[in-house]
N, C-alpha and C. Protein backbone atom coordinates (compact mmCIF):
# COMPACT_ATOMS: atom_id res chain seq x y z
N MET A 1 139.29 -18.68 49.91
CA MET A 1 139.98 -17.55 49.29
C MET A 1 138.98 -16.59 48.67
N LYS A 2 137.98 -17.19 47.95
CA LYS A 2 136.96 -16.38 47.30
C LYS A 2 136.16 -15.62 48.35
N THR A 3 135.85 -16.29 49.48
CA THR A 3 135.09 -15.65 50.56
C THR A 3 135.87 -14.48 51.15
N SER A 4 137.17 -14.65 51.31
CA SER A 4 138.01 -13.59 51.86
C SER A 4 138.03 -12.37 50.95
N ILE A 5 138.12 -12.62 49.65
CA ILE A 5 138.13 -11.51 48.69
C ILE A 5 136.80 -10.76 48.72
N GLN A 6 135.70 -11.54 48.77
CA GLN A 6 134.39 -10.91 48.81
C GLN A 6 134.22 -10.08 50.08
N TYR A 7 134.75 -10.59 51.20
CA TYR A 7 134.66 -9.86 52.47
C TYR A 7 135.47 -8.56 52.39
N ALA A 8 136.66 -8.63 51.79
CA ALA A 8 137.51 -7.44 51.66
C ALA A 8 136.82 -6.39 50.80
N ILE A 9 136.17 -6.85 49.71
CA ILE A 9 135.46 -5.91 48.83
C ILE A 9 134.31 -5.26 49.57
N LEU A 10 133.58 -6.07 50.37
CA LEU A 10 132.46 -5.55 51.14
C LEU A 10 132.91 -4.50 52.15
N MET A 11 134.01 -4.77 52.85
CA MET A 11 134.53 -3.83 53.84
C MET A 11 135.00 -2.54 53.19
N ALA A 12 135.62 -2.66 52.02
CA ALA A 12 136.08 -1.47 51.30
C ALA A 12 134.89 -0.61 50.89
N ALA A 13 133.80 -1.26 50.48
CA ALA A 13 132.60 -0.52 50.09
C ALA A 13 131.99 0.20 51.27
N VAL A 14 131.99 -0.45 52.44
CA VAL A 14 131.44 0.17 53.64
C VAL A 14 132.26 1.39 54.04
N ILE A 15 133.59 1.24 54.01
CA ILE A 15 134.47 2.35 54.37
C ILE A 15 134.31 3.51 53.40
N PHE A 16 134.21 3.19 52.09
CA PHE A 16 134.05 4.22 51.07
C PHE A 16 132.74 4.96 51.26
N SER A 17 131.68 4.19 51.58
CA SER A 17 130.37 4.80 51.79
C SER A 17 130.40 5.72 53.00
N ALA A 18 131.05 5.28 54.07
CA ALA A 18 131.15 6.10 55.28
C ALA A 18 131.94 7.37 55.01
N SER A 19 133.01 7.25 54.21
CA SER A 19 133.82 8.41 53.88
C SER A 19 133.02 9.42 53.08
N CYS A 20 132.21 8.91 52.15
CA CYS A 20 131.40 9.81 51.33
C CYS A 20 130.40 10.57 52.20
N LYS A 21 129.77 9.84 53.14
CA LYS A 21 128.81 10.49 54.03
C LYS A 21 129.49 11.56 54.87
N LYS A 22 130.71 11.26 55.35
CA LYS A 22 131.45 12.22 56.15
C LYS A 22 131.80 13.45 55.34
N ASP A 23 132.21 13.23 54.07
CA ASP A 23 132.58 14.34 53.21
C ASP A 23 131.38 15.19 52.84
N ASN A 24 130.16 14.62 52.95
CA ASN A 24 128.97 15.36 52.58
C ASN A 24 128.46 16.27 53.69
N TYR A 25 129.10 16.24 54.88
CA TYR A 25 128.72 17.16 55.94
C TYR A 25 128.98 18.60 55.48
N LYS A 26 128.10 19.50 55.87
CA LYS A 26 128.26 20.90 55.49
C LYS A 26 129.48 21.50 56.20
N ALA A 27 130.20 22.33 55.47
CA ALA A 27 131.34 23.03 56.06
C ALA A 27 130.82 24.18 56.91
N PRO A 28 131.61 24.63 57.90
CA PRO A 28 131.19 25.79 58.69
C PRO A 28 131.02 27.01 57.80
N SER A 29 129.95 27.76 58.00
CA SER A 29 129.65 28.87 57.09
C SER A 29 129.28 30.17 57.79
N SER A 30 129.27 30.16 59.13
CA SER A 30 128.94 31.38 59.85
C SER A 30 130.23 32.14 60.17
N ALA A 31 130.28 33.40 59.76
CA ALA A 31 131.49 34.20 59.94
C ALA A 31 131.46 34.93 61.27
N PHE A 32 132.54 34.77 62.02
CA PHE A 32 132.73 35.51 63.27
C PHE A 32 133.90 36.47 63.06
N ASN A 33 133.61 37.75 63.05
CA ASN A 33 134.61 38.77 62.76
C ASN A 33 134.66 39.79 63.90
N GLY A 34 135.78 40.46 64.00
CA GLY A 34 135.89 41.52 65.00
C GLY A 34 137.31 42.00 65.16
N ARG A 35 137.56 42.67 66.28
CA ARG A 35 138.89 43.20 66.58
C ARG A 35 139.17 43.05 68.07
N LEU A 36 140.44 42.98 68.42
CA LEU A 36 140.85 43.18 69.80
C LEU A 36 140.99 44.68 70.00
N VAL A 37 140.33 45.23 71.01
CA VAL A 37 140.32 46.68 71.18
C VAL A 37 140.53 47.07 72.63
N TYR A 38 140.94 48.33 72.79
CA TYR A 38 140.95 49.00 74.09
C TYR A 38 140.20 50.30 73.92
N GLN A 39 139.05 50.42 74.55
CA GLN A 39 138.20 51.60 74.44
C GLN A 39 137.95 51.97 72.96
N GLY A 40 137.72 50.96 72.16
CA GLY A 40 137.41 51.16 70.75
C GLY A 40 138.61 51.25 69.82
N GLU A 41 139.81 51.33 70.37
CA GLU A 41 141.03 51.40 69.55
C GLU A 41 141.60 50.01 69.34
N PRO A 42 141.98 49.67 68.11
CA PRO A 42 142.53 48.33 67.87
C PRO A 42 143.86 48.11 68.56
N ILE A 43 144.09 46.87 68.98
CA ILE A 43 145.37 46.46 69.56
C ILE A 43 146.22 45.90 68.43
N ASN A 44 147.25 46.64 68.04
CA ASN A 44 148.14 46.21 66.95
C ASN A 44 149.22 45.27 67.49
N VAL A 45 149.35 44.12 66.86
CA VAL A 45 150.30 43.10 67.31
C VAL A 45 151.11 42.61 66.11
N SER A 46 152.00 41.65 66.32
CA SER A 46 152.74 41.05 65.21
C SER A 46 151.88 39.97 64.56
N TYR A 47 152.03 39.86 63.25
CA TYR A 47 151.17 38.98 62.46
C TYR A 47 151.30 37.52 62.88
N ASN A 48 150.15 36.87 63.11
CA ASN A 48 150.08 35.43 63.34
C ASN A 48 150.79 34.98 64.62
N ASP A 49 150.95 35.88 65.58
CA ASP A 49 151.61 35.52 66.84
C ASP A 49 150.62 35.45 68.00
N VAL A 50 149.56 36.22 67.94
CA VAL A 50 148.59 36.29 69.03
C VAL A 50 147.30 35.61 68.59
N TYR A 51 146.69 34.86 69.48
CA TYR A 51 145.46 34.15 69.13
C TYR A 51 144.57 34.00 70.36
N PHE A 52 143.30 33.66 70.11
CA PHE A 52 142.43 33.24 71.21
C PHE A 52 141.85 31.88 70.87
N GLU A 53 141.26 31.24 71.88
CA GLU A 53 140.73 29.88 71.72
C GLU A 53 139.21 29.89 71.78
N LEU A 54 138.60 29.07 70.95
CA LEU A 54 137.16 28.83 70.99
C LEU A 54 136.93 27.37 71.35
N TRP A 55 136.24 27.15 72.45
CA TRP A 55 135.90 25.81 72.90
C TRP A 55 134.41 25.58 72.69
N GLU A 56 134.07 24.43 72.12
CA GLU A 56 132.66 24.09 71.89
C GLU A 56 132.25 23.02 72.89
N PRO A 57 131.53 23.39 73.96
CA PRO A 57 131.16 22.41 75.00
C PRO A 57 130.22 21.34 74.46
N GLY A 58 130.33 20.16 75.05
CA GLY A 58 129.38 19.10 74.75
C GLY A 58 129.82 18.10 73.71
N TRP A 59 130.96 18.38 73.03
CA TRP A 59 131.42 17.46 71.99
C TRP A 59 132.61 16.64 72.45
N GLY A 60 133.07 16.86 73.65
CA GLY A 60 134.19 16.08 74.16
C GLY A 60 135.50 16.36 73.44
N LYS A 61 135.62 17.54 72.83
CA LYS A 61 136.84 17.86 72.11
C LYS A 61 137.97 18.15 73.09
N SER A 62 139.15 17.68 72.76
CA SER A 62 140.30 17.89 73.62
C SER A 62 141.14 19.08 73.17
N THR A 63 140.85 19.61 72.00
CA THR A 63 141.62 20.75 71.50
C THR A 63 140.66 21.85 71.07
N PRO A 64 141.06 23.12 71.24
CA PRO A 64 140.20 24.23 70.87
C PRO A 64 140.41 24.63 69.40
N ILE A 65 139.58 25.53 68.93
CA ILE A 65 139.78 26.21 67.65
C ILE A 65 140.60 27.46 67.95
N ASN A 66 141.78 27.56 67.36
CA ASN A 66 142.62 28.74 67.57
C ASN A 66 142.34 29.78 66.48
N VAL A 67 142.06 30.99 66.88
CA VAL A 67 141.76 32.08 65.95
C VAL A 67 142.87 33.13 66.05
N SER A 68 143.61 33.33 64.96
CA SER A 68 144.75 34.24 64.96
C SER A 68 144.30 35.69 64.81
N ILE A 69 145.08 36.58 65.40
CA ILE A 69 144.84 38.02 65.32
C ILE A 69 145.78 38.62 64.27
N SER A 70 145.22 39.38 63.33
CA SER A 70 146.04 40.06 62.33
C SER A 70 146.80 41.21 62.97
N GLN A 71 147.79 41.74 62.26
CA GLN A 71 148.64 42.77 62.87
C GLN A 71 147.89 44.06 63.14
N ASP A 72 146.71 44.25 62.52
CA ASP A 72 145.90 45.43 62.80
C ASP A 72 144.83 45.16 63.85
N GLY A 73 144.92 44.02 64.53
CA GLY A 73 144.00 43.70 65.60
C GLY A 73 142.74 42.98 65.17
N LYS A 74 142.57 42.74 63.87
CA LYS A 74 141.35 42.11 63.37
C LYS A 74 141.46 40.58 63.42
N PHE A 75 140.30 39.92 63.47
CA PHE A 75 140.26 38.46 63.38
C PHE A 75 139.04 38.05 62.58
N SER A 76 139.08 36.82 62.05
CA SER A 76 137.98 36.28 61.27
C SER A 76 138.03 34.77 61.32
N ALA A 77 136.86 34.13 61.50
CA ALA A 77 136.80 32.67 61.56
C ALA A 77 135.46 32.21 61.00
N LEU A 78 135.46 31.05 60.32
CA LEU A 78 134.23 30.40 59.86
C LEU A 78 133.89 29.30 60.85
N LEU A 79 132.66 29.32 61.38
CA LEU A 79 132.29 28.40 62.44
C LEU A 79 130.93 27.77 62.16
N PHE A 80 130.68 26.65 62.83
CA PHE A 80 129.35 26.08 62.86
C PHE A 80 128.49 26.88 63.84
N ASN A 81 127.21 26.91 63.61
CA ASN A 81 126.30 27.52 64.57
C ASN A 81 126.30 26.70 65.85
N ALA A 82 126.68 27.31 66.96
CA ALA A 82 126.80 26.59 68.23
C ALA A 82 127.12 27.59 69.32
N ASN A 83 127.15 27.10 70.55
CA ASN A 83 127.61 27.88 71.69
C ASN A 83 129.09 27.59 71.92
N TYR A 84 129.86 28.64 72.15
CA TYR A 84 131.30 28.49 72.34
C TYR A 84 131.73 29.22 73.61
N LYS A 85 132.89 28.82 74.11
CA LYS A 85 133.55 29.56 75.17
C LYS A 85 134.82 30.18 74.57
N LEU A 86 134.93 31.50 74.65
CA LEU A 86 136.08 32.21 74.11
C LEU A 86 137.05 32.51 75.24
N ILE A 87 138.27 32.03 75.07
CA ILE A 87 139.31 32.19 76.10
C ILE A 87 140.58 32.72 75.45
N ILE A 88 141.15 33.76 76.04
CA ILE A 88 142.47 34.24 75.62
C ILE A 88 143.49 33.66 76.58
N PRO A 89 144.38 32.76 76.14
CA PRO A 89 145.37 32.17 77.06
C PRO A 89 146.17 33.25 77.77
N GLY A 90 146.55 32.98 78.99
CA GLY A 90 147.21 33.97 79.82
C GLY A 90 148.50 34.52 79.25
N ALA A 91 149.22 33.73 78.47
CA ALA A 91 150.51 34.16 77.94
C ALA A 91 150.38 34.88 76.60
N GLN A 92 149.15 35.10 76.14
CA GLN A 92 148.94 35.69 74.82
C GLN A 92 148.73 37.20 74.90
N GLY A 93 149.45 37.92 74.03
CA GLY A 93 149.19 39.33 73.83
C GLY A 93 149.84 40.27 74.83
N PRO A 94 150.00 41.55 74.41
CA PRO A 94 150.58 42.59 75.29
C PRO A 94 149.50 43.25 76.14
N PHE A 95 148.66 42.44 76.76
CA PHE A 95 147.50 42.97 77.48
C PHE A 95 147.04 41.94 78.51
N ARG A 96 146.06 42.33 79.32
CA ARG A 96 145.41 41.43 80.25
C ARG A 96 143.94 41.30 79.86
N SER A 97 143.38 40.11 80.07
CA SER A 97 141.96 39.90 79.78
C SER A 97 141.11 40.58 80.84
N LEU A 98 139.91 40.98 80.43
CA LEU A 98 138.96 41.60 81.34
C LEU A 98 137.96 40.56 81.85
N ILE A 99 137.35 40.84 82.96
CA ILE A 99 136.33 39.95 83.51
C ILE A 99 135.02 40.18 82.76
N ASP A 100 134.47 39.12 82.22
CA ASP A 100 133.20 39.20 81.51
C ASP A 100 132.04 39.26 82.51
N LYS A 101 131.11 40.19 82.31
CA LYS A 101 130.02 40.38 83.27
C LYS A 101 129.05 39.19 83.29
N THR A 102 128.97 38.47 82.18
CA THR A 102 128.03 37.35 82.12
C THR A 102 128.57 36.12 82.84
N THR A 103 129.85 35.82 82.66
CA THR A 103 130.43 34.61 83.24
C THR A 103 131.18 34.88 84.55
N ASN A 104 131.40 36.17 84.85
CA ASN A 104 132.18 36.56 86.03
C ASN A 104 133.57 35.95 86.02
N SER A 105 134.12 35.80 84.83
CA SER A 105 135.48 35.27 84.66
C SER A 105 136.04 35.87 83.38
N ASP A 106 137.26 35.45 83.01
CA ASP A 106 137.82 35.95 81.75
C ASP A 106 137.38 35.11 80.56
N THR A 107 136.45 34.19 80.77
CA THR A 107 135.85 33.40 79.69
C THR A 107 134.62 34.14 79.16
N ILE A 108 134.52 34.25 77.83
CA ILE A 108 133.40 34.92 77.20
C ILE A 108 132.48 33.88 76.58
N ALA A 109 131.21 33.92 76.95
CA ALA A 109 130.22 33.02 76.34
C ALA A 109 129.81 33.60 74.99
N LEU A 110 129.91 32.76 73.96
CA LEU A 110 129.68 33.22 72.60
C LEU A 110 128.68 32.31 71.91
N THR A 111 127.61 32.89 71.36
CA THR A 111 126.62 32.12 70.61
C THR A 111 126.72 32.49 69.14
N ILE A 112 127.01 31.51 68.31
CA ILE A 112 127.09 31.72 66.86
C ILE A 112 125.81 31.18 66.24
N SER A 113 125.05 32.05 65.62
CA SER A 113 123.83 31.68 64.90
C SER A 113 123.73 32.60 63.70
N GLY A 114 124.48 32.26 62.66
CA GLY A 114 124.63 33.18 61.53
C GLY A 114 125.85 34.06 61.75
N ASN A 115 126.10 34.99 60.85
CA ASN A 115 127.28 35.84 60.93
C ASN A 115 127.22 36.75 62.16
N LEU A 116 128.38 36.93 62.79
CA LEU A 116 128.47 37.76 63.99
C LEU A 116 129.72 38.62 63.93
N THR A 117 129.54 39.92 64.18
CA THR A 117 130.67 40.84 64.31
C THR A 117 130.70 41.35 65.75
N ARG A 118 131.83 41.16 66.42
CA ARG A 118 131.95 41.56 67.81
C ARG A 118 133.40 41.85 68.16
N ASP A 119 133.64 42.99 68.78
CA ASP A 119 134.98 43.32 69.25
C ASP A 119 135.19 42.72 70.64
N ILE A 120 136.45 42.40 70.93
CA ILE A 120 136.82 41.86 72.24
C ILE A 120 137.65 42.91 72.97
N GLU A 121 137.14 43.38 74.08
CA GLU A 121 137.81 44.42 74.86
C GLU A 121 138.87 43.79 75.76
N VAL A 122 140.08 44.36 75.73
CA VAL A 122 141.18 43.91 76.59
C VAL A 122 141.81 45.13 77.25
N LEU A 123 142.72 44.87 78.19
CA LEU A 123 143.40 45.95 78.91
C LEU A 123 144.90 45.88 78.63
N PRO A 124 145.41 46.74 77.74
CA PRO A 124 146.84 46.70 77.39
C PRO A 124 147.71 47.30 78.50
N TYR A 125 148.94 46.85 78.56
CA TYR A 125 149.88 47.45 79.50
C TYR A 125 150.24 48.87 79.06
N TYR A 126 150.41 49.05 77.76
CA TYR A 126 150.75 50.36 77.18
C TYR A 126 149.98 50.53 75.88
N MET A 127 149.81 51.79 75.48
CA MET A 127 149.33 52.11 74.14
C MET A 127 150.32 53.08 73.51
N ILE A 128 150.54 52.92 72.22
CA ILE A 128 151.41 53.82 71.47
C ILE A 128 150.57 54.98 70.95
N ARG A 129 150.99 56.20 71.25
CA ARG A 129 150.21 57.38 70.92
C ARG A 129 150.89 58.25 69.87
N THR A 130 150.06 58.86 69.01
CA THR A 130 150.45 59.84 67.98
C THR A 130 151.74 59.48 67.24
N PRO A 131 151.83 58.28 66.67
CA PRO A 131 153.04 57.93 65.91
C PRO A 131 153.11 58.73 64.61
N LYS A 132 154.30 59.25 64.32
CA LYS A 132 154.54 59.99 63.09
C LYS A 132 155.84 59.52 62.47
N PHE A 133 155.84 59.36 61.14
CA PHE A 133 157.00 58.87 60.42
C PHE A 133 157.36 59.87 59.32
N VAL A 134 158.63 60.21 59.26
CA VAL A 134 159.11 61.17 58.26
C VAL A 134 160.37 60.59 57.62
N ALA A 135 160.45 60.68 56.29
CA ALA A 135 161.63 60.23 55.56
C ALA A 135 162.36 61.43 54.97
N ALA A 136 163.68 61.48 55.20
CA ALA A 136 164.54 62.48 54.60
C ALA A 136 165.65 61.73 53.89
N GLY A 137 165.56 61.68 52.56
CA GLY A 137 166.47 60.81 51.83
C GLY A 137 166.13 59.36 52.17
N ARG A 138 167.11 58.62 52.68
CA ARG A 138 166.88 57.23 53.07
C ARG A 138 166.86 57.07 54.60
N THR A 139 166.71 58.18 55.31
CA THR A 139 166.63 58.15 56.77
C THR A 139 165.18 58.30 57.21
N VAL A 140 164.72 57.34 57.98
CA VAL A 140 163.34 57.36 58.49
C VAL A 140 163.39 57.71 59.98
N THR A 141 162.60 58.71 60.36
CA THR A 141 162.50 59.13 61.75
C THR A 141 161.07 58.89 62.25
N ALA A 142 160.96 58.27 63.41
CA ALA A 142 159.65 58.03 64.02
C ALA A 142 159.59 58.74 65.36
N THR A 143 158.48 59.43 65.61
CA THR A 143 158.23 60.04 66.92
C THR A 143 156.89 59.53 67.43
N PHE A 144 156.80 59.28 68.74
CA PHE A 144 155.56 58.74 69.31
C PHE A 144 155.62 58.83 70.82
N GLY A 145 154.48 58.55 71.44
CA GLY A 145 154.41 58.50 72.89
C GLY A 145 154.04 57.10 73.36
N ALA A 146 154.45 56.74 74.57
CA ALA A 146 154.10 55.47 75.18
C ALA A 146 153.28 55.76 76.42
N GLU A 147 151.97 55.49 76.35
CA GLU A 147 151.08 55.74 77.48
C GLU A 147 150.92 54.47 78.30
N GLN A 148 151.24 54.56 79.58
CA GLN A 148 151.06 53.41 80.47
C GLN A 148 149.60 53.33 80.87
N ILE A 149 148.98 52.17 80.61
CA ILE A 149 147.56 51.98 80.91
C ILE A 149 147.38 51.27 82.24
N ILE A 150 148.13 50.19 82.46
CA ILE A 150 148.03 49.44 83.72
C ILE A 150 149.05 50.01 84.70
N LYS A 151 148.54 50.57 85.81
CA LYS A 151 149.42 51.23 86.77
C LYS A 151 149.31 50.64 88.17
N ASP A 152 148.54 49.56 88.32
CA ASP A 152 148.36 48.96 89.64
C ASP A 152 149.44 47.92 89.91
N ALA A 153 149.15 46.93 90.73
CA ALA A 153 150.15 45.91 91.07
C ALA A 153 150.55 45.06 89.88
N ASN A 154 149.76 45.10 88.81
CA ASN A 154 150.08 44.33 87.60
C ASN A 154 150.92 45.12 86.60
N ALA A 155 151.32 46.33 86.96
CA ALA A 155 152.09 47.18 86.05
C ALA A 155 153.44 46.55 85.72
N ARG A 156 153.90 46.83 84.51
CA ARG A 156 155.21 46.36 84.06
C ARG A 156 155.94 47.49 83.37
N GLY A 157 157.27 47.42 83.40
CA GLY A 157 158.07 48.45 82.78
C GLY A 157 158.28 48.21 81.29
N ILE A 158 158.88 49.19 80.63
CA ILE A 158 159.22 49.09 79.21
C ILE A 158 160.61 48.48 79.07
N GLU A 159 160.70 47.37 78.38
CA GLU A 159 162.00 46.74 78.13
C GLU A 159 162.74 47.48 77.01
N ARG A 160 162.01 47.79 75.94
CA ARG A 160 162.60 48.56 74.84
C ARG A 160 161.49 49.04 73.92
N VAL A 161 161.84 50.00 73.09
CA VAL A 161 160.98 50.39 71.96
C VAL A 161 161.81 50.22 70.70
N SER A 162 161.13 49.93 69.59
CA SER A 162 161.85 49.63 68.35
C SER A 162 161.15 50.26 67.16
N LEU A 163 161.95 50.70 66.20
CA LEU A 163 161.46 51.16 64.90
C LEU A 163 161.83 50.11 63.86
N TYR A 164 160.82 49.61 63.14
CA TYR A 164 161.03 48.59 62.12
C TYR A 164 160.67 49.15 60.75
N VAL A 165 161.54 48.90 59.78
CA VAL A 165 161.27 49.25 58.38
C VAL A 165 161.34 47.97 57.56
N CYS A 166 160.30 47.71 56.76
CA CYS A 166 160.22 46.47 55.99
C CYS A 166 159.86 46.76 54.54
N LYS A 167 160.10 45.76 53.69
CA LYS A 167 159.79 45.90 52.27
C LYS A 167 158.31 45.68 51.99
N THR A 168 157.63 44.95 52.86
CA THR A 168 156.22 44.63 52.65
C THR A 168 155.38 45.19 53.80
N GLN A 169 154.07 45.01 53.71
CA GLN A 169 153.15 45.52 54.72
C GLN A 169 153.17 44.71 56.01
N PHE A 170 153.87 43.58 56.03
CA PHE A 170 153.99 42.79 57.24
C PHE A 170 155.24 43.26 57.98
N VAL A 171 155.02 44.05 59.03
CA VAL A 171 156.12 44.78 59.65
C VAL A 171 156.32 44.33 61.10
N ASP A 172 157.46 43.71 61.35
CA ASP A 172 157.93 43.42 62.70
C ASP A 172 159.38 43.00 62.60
N GLY A 173 159.95 42.53 63.68
CA GLY A 173 161.37 42.21 63.68
C GLY A 173 161.77 41.02 62.85
N ARG A 174 160.79 40.18 62.43
CA ARG A 174 161.13 38.97 61.69
C ARG A 174 161.56 39.25 60.26
N ASN A 175 161.06 40.32 59.66
CA ASN A 175 161.41 40.60 58.26
C ASN A 175 161.87 42.03 58.06
N SER A 176 162.39 42.64 59.11
CA SER A 176 162.83 44.02 59.03
C SER A 176 164.12 44.15 58.21
N ILE A 177 164.19 45.18 57.39
CA ILE A 177 165.41 45.47 56.64
C ILE A 177 166.23 46.55 57.34
N ALA A 178 165.61 47.24 58.31
CA ALA A 178 166.30 48.25 59.09
C ALA A 178 165.58 48.37 60.44
N THR A 179 166.35 48.32 61.53
CA THR A 179 165.77 48.35 62.87
C THR A 179 166.58 49.26 63.77
N ARG A 180 165.89 50.03 64.62
CA ARG A 180 166.57 50.80 65.64
C ARG A 180 165.88 50.57 66.98
N ASP A 181 166.64 50.17 67.99
CA ASP A 181 166.11 49.88 69.32
C ASP A 181 166.54 50.96 70.31
N LEU A 182 165.70 51.17 71.31
CA LEU A 182 166.04 52.05 72.42
C LEU A 182 165.60 51.37 73.71
N GLY A 183 166.54 51.10 74.62
CA GLY A 183 166.22 50.43 75.87
C GLY A 183 165.30 51.27 76.74
N GLY A 184 164.48 50.59 77.52
CA GLY A 184 163.54 51.31 78.36
C GLY A 184 164.21 52.26 79.34
N GLY A 185 165.38 51.89 79.85
CA GLY A 185 166.10 52.74 80.79
C GLY A 185 166.64 54.02 80.17
N SER A 186 166.68 54.06 78.83
CA SER A 186 167.19 55.25 78.13
C SER A 186 166.08 56.21 77.71
N ILE A 187 164.83 55.85 78.01
CA ILE A 187 163.70 56.72 77.66
C ILE A 187 163.56 57.79 78.74
N THR A 188 163.78 59.04 78.37
CA THR A 188 163.70 60.13 79.34
C THR A 188 162.30 60.73 79.40
N ASP A 189 161.58 60.69 78.28
CA ASP A 189 160.23 61.25 78.23
C ASP A 189 159.33 60.28 77.47
N PRO A 190 158.53 59.45 78.15
CA PRO A 190 157.67 58.47 77.46
C PRO A 190 156.69 59.12 76.49
N ALA A 191 156.35 60.38 76.70
CA ALA A 191 155.41 61.06 75.81
C ALA A 191 156.08 61.59 74.55
N GLY A 192 157.40 61.59 74.51
CA GLY A 192 158.12 62.14 73.34
C GLY A 192 159.32 61.30 72.98
N ILE A 193 159.09 60.12 72.44
CA ILE A 193 160.16 59.19 72.05
C ILE A 193 160.48 59.40 70.58
N SER A 194 161.76 59.37 70.24
CA SER A 194 162.18 59.53 68.85
C SER A 194 163.19 58.44 68.49
N LEU A 195 162.99 57.82 67.34
CA LEU A 195 163.90 56.80 66.82
C LEU A 195 164.20 57.10 65.36
N GLN A 196 165.41 56.77 64.94
CA GLN A 196 165.83 57.06 63.57
C GLN A 196 166.65 55.91 63.03
N VAL A 197 166.44 55.58 61.75
CA VAL A 197 167.19 54.49 61.13
C VAL A 197 167.41 54.78 59.66
N ASP A 198 168.53 54.32 59.13
CA ASP A 198 168.84 54.46 57.70
C ASP A 198 168.39 53.22 56.95
N VAL A 199 167.71 53.43 55.84
CA VAL A 199 167.22 52.33 55.02
C VAL A 199 168.29 51.95 54.01
N PRO A 200 168.70 50.69 53.96
CA PRO A 200 169.74 50.30 53.00
C PRO A 200 169.22 50.33 51.56
N THR A 201 170.13 50.30 50.62
CA THR A 201 169.75 50.21 49.21
C THR A 201 169.07 48.87 48.95
N LEU A 202 167.94 48.91 48.26
CA LEU A 202 167.17 47.70 48.02
C LEU A 202 167.32 47.24 46.58
N VAL A 203 167.42 45.93 46.41
CA VAL A 203 167.52 45.33 45.07
C VAL A 203 166.45 44.25 44.96
N PRO A 204 165.46 44.44 44.04
CA PRO A 204 165.26 45.62 43.19
C PRO A 204 164.86 46.84 44.01
N GLU A 205 165.09 48.00 43.46
CA GLU A 205 164.81 49.24 44.17
C GLU A 205 163.31 49.43 44.38
N GLN A 206 162.95 50.00 45.51
CA GLN A 206 161.56 50.32 45.83
C GLN A 206 161.43 51.82 46.10
N LYS A 207 160.32 52.39 45.67
CA LYS A 207 160.08 53.81 45.93
C LYS A 207 159.47 54.05 47.30
N THR A 208 158.87 52.99 47.88
CA THR A 208 158.27 53.10 49.21
C THR A 208 158.68 51.92 50.08
N VAL A 209 158.62 52.14 51.38
CA VAL A 209 158.82 51.07 52.36
C VAL A 209 157.69 51.18 53.38
N PHE A 210 157.66 50.24 54.31
CA PHE A 210 156.60 50.21 55.32
C PHE A 210 157.26 50.21 56.70
N ALA A 211 156.68 50.97 57.62
CA ALA A 211 157.30 51.12 58.94
C ALA A 211 156.25 51.15 60.04
N ARG A 212 156.68 50.78 61.23
CA ARG A 212 155.90 51.01 62.44
C ARG A 212 156.82 50.85 63.63
N VAL A 213 156.35 51.33 64.77
CA VAL A 213 157.14 51.21 66.00
C VAL A 213 156.47 50.17 66.89
N GLY A 214 157.29 49.51 67.70
CA GLY A 214 156.80 48.50 68.63
C GLY A 214 157.34 48.77 70.02
N LEU A 215 156.59 48.29 71.02
CA LEU A 215 156.98 48.46 72.42
C LEU A 215 157.00 47.09 73.08
N LYS A 216 158.18 46.73 73.60
CA LYS A 216 158.35 45.45 74.30
C LYS A 216 158.19 45.69 75.80
N ILE A 217 157.23 44.98 76.40
CA ILE A 217 156.92 45.11 77.81
C ILE A 217 157.77 44.10 78.58
N ALA A 218 158.33 44.51 79.69
CA ALA A 218 159.17 43.62 80.49
C ALA A 218 158.37 42.40 80.95
N GLY A 219 158.90 41.21 80.65
CA GLY A 219 158.26 39.98 81.08
C GLY A 219 157.09 39.53 80.23
N VAL A 220 156.83 40.22 79.12
CA VAL A 220 155.73 39.88 78.23
C VAL A 220 156.31 39.60 76.84
N GLU A 221 155.98 38.44 76.27
CA GLU A 221 156.58 38.05 74.99
C GLU A 221 156.11 38.90 73.83
N ASP A 222 154.80 39.14 73.73
CA ASP A 222 154.24 39.83 72.57
C ASP A 222 154.33 41.35 72.73
N MET A 223 154.71 42.02 71.66
CA MET A 223 154.83 43.47 71.66
C MET A 223 153.53 44.11 71.19
N ILE A 224 153.36 45.38 71.57
CA ILE A 224 152.28 46.19 71.01
C ILE A 224 152.89 47.17 70.02
N TYR A 225 152.16 47.47 68.95
CA TYR A 225 152.71 48.24 67.84
C TYR A 225 151.81 49.42 67.49
N SER A 226 152.37 50.31 66.70
CA SER A 226 151.58 51.33 66.03
C SER A 226 151.03 50.74 64.72
N PRO A 227 150.05 51.39 64.10
CA PRO A 227 149.62 50.91 62.77
C PRO A 227 150.76 51.01 61.76
N VAL A 228 150.70 50.17 60.74
CA VAL A 228 151.71 50.20 59.66
C VAL A 228 151.51 51.43 58.80
N GLN A 229 152.61 52.08 58.43
CA GLN A 229 152.52 53.24 57.54
C GLN A 229 153.48 53.07 56.36
N GLU A 230 152.97 53.38 55.17
CA GLU A 230 153.80 53.35 53.97
C GLU A 230 154.52 54.69 53.84
N ILE A 231 155.82 54.63 53.53
CA ILE A 231 156.65 55.84 53.49
C ILE A 231 157.36 55.91 52.15
N ALA A 232 157.28 57.06 51.52
CA ALA A 232 157.98 57.28 50.26
C ALA A 232 159.43 57.69 50.54
N LEU A 233 160.35 57.07 49.85
CA LEU A 233 161.78 57.38 50.02
C LEU A 233 162.23 58.43 49.01
């Protein structure tokens, strides 16, 4: 009995020592920052819906590091210094990945050695152009254009466009307090789209709200958006 107790104490000490050594490993400290862009313009998406994957070869990992894209197209991750493969999954985002000249594929070879800032160029199906928001009383009007970027065999139509008004700076259909949709078949002039919505009375009352427009591409889950704008009521 005494021997068993001593053995259990010894094993607990070994496990504790191993845990301490594991906890003493340095945390990742190299910052990888950037934006998803098209010709230098950020790709605006819905918050925490679009991501890319970072794979670190040589460690036998079965799962990647997922890096989320903010609604203004920016991303940020803390990583260990290493070589990574950056992959945007095919079903992610309102865009198509470009072929990387180094790998001759849609995989981007990435070397992290200290802090790195780098934009990732993609090819969107559409871009939202010259969005303008005007409030008259509690009515918000948005005008904008929808420019089709992909026009080849991969082209897709517009399913709908939407105007979202929210109480906070996180603006999309999930937390909208006022929404107006227009089906793609009802758009007569893609360069001159107008949407209007009435903002309900808010409790507690707010002097400003936040708005942006989004474009839903046929057969694509993620929408592309205009930048968020604060509007005085």
